[in-house]
């Protein structure tokens, strides 16, 4: 979803999706997002092309 929103130029939906992930993991499992998810979000927010 985050890649799709970025490709569509919907950065606000990218941020909303990531925040929903963070909130759900914290509320349901008391865990942070995994490193891959956080790294992907960082790359997308900063306009860097993630490696496939």
Protein backbone atom coordinates (compact mmCIF):
# COMPACT_ATOMS: atom_id res chain seq x y z
CA UNK A 1 0.00 0.00 0.00
CA UNK A 2 2.74 2.46 0.88
CA UNK A 3 4.47 1.96 -2.47
CA UNK A 4 1.17 2.32 -4.32
CA UNK A 5 0.28 5.56 -2.56
CA UNK A 6 3.73 6.93 -3.30
CA UNK A 7 3.44 5.99 -6.98
CA UNK A 8 0.07 7.75 -7.12
CA UNK A 9 1.50 10.86 -5.46
CA UNK A 10 -0.69 10.37 -2.40
CA UNK A 11 1.93 11.12 0.25
CA UNK A 12 -0.69 11.91 2.89
CA UNK A 13 -2.11 8.39 2.45
CA UNK A 14 1.40 6.97 2.69
CA UNK A 15 1.84 8.67 6.06
CA UNK A 16 -1.64 7.65 7.23
CA UNK A 17 -1.04 4.01 6.29
CA UNK A 18 2.28 3.88 8.10
CA UNK A 19 0.83 5.55 11.20
CA UNK A 20 -2.09 3.12 11.21
CA UNK A 21 0.43 0.27 11.10
CA UNK A 22 2.40 1.75 14.00
CA UNK A 23 -0.73 2.35 16.08
CA UNK A 24 -2.23 -1.08 15.43
CA UNK A 25 0.97 -2.95 16.25
CA UNK A 26 1.43 -0.94 19.43
CA UNK A 27 -2.19 -1.36 20.54
CA UNK A 28 -2.67 -5.01 19.59
CA UNK A 29 0.79 -6.49 20.18
CA UNK A 30 2.77 -3.81 22.05
CA UNK A 31 5.40 -3.95 19.29
CA UNK A 32 6.97 -1.44 16.91
CA UNK A 33 6.92 -1.99 13.15
CA UNK A 34 9.71 -4.22 11.90
CA UNK A 35 12.89 -2.68 10.55
CA UNK A 36 11.97 -3.37 6.91
CA UNK A 37 8.67 -1.52 7.21
CA UNK A 38 10.26 1.47 8.92
CA UNK A 39 13.08 1.55 6.38
CA UNK A 40 10.66 1.42 3.46
CA UNK A 41 8.67 4.28 4.96
CA UNK A 42 11.86 6.32 5.40
CA UNK A 43 12.89 5.73 1.79
CA UNK A 44 9.47 6.63 0.41
CA UNK A 45 9.13 9.78 2.53
CA UNK A 46 12.56 10.98 1.43
CA UNK A 47 11.93 10.26 -2.25
CA UNK A 48 14.51 7.51 -2.46
CA UNK A 49 13.80 4.55 -4.71
CA UNK A 50 13.60 1.40 -2.60
CA UNK A 51 15.35 -1.69 -3.86
CA UNK A 52 12.95 -4.39 -4.97
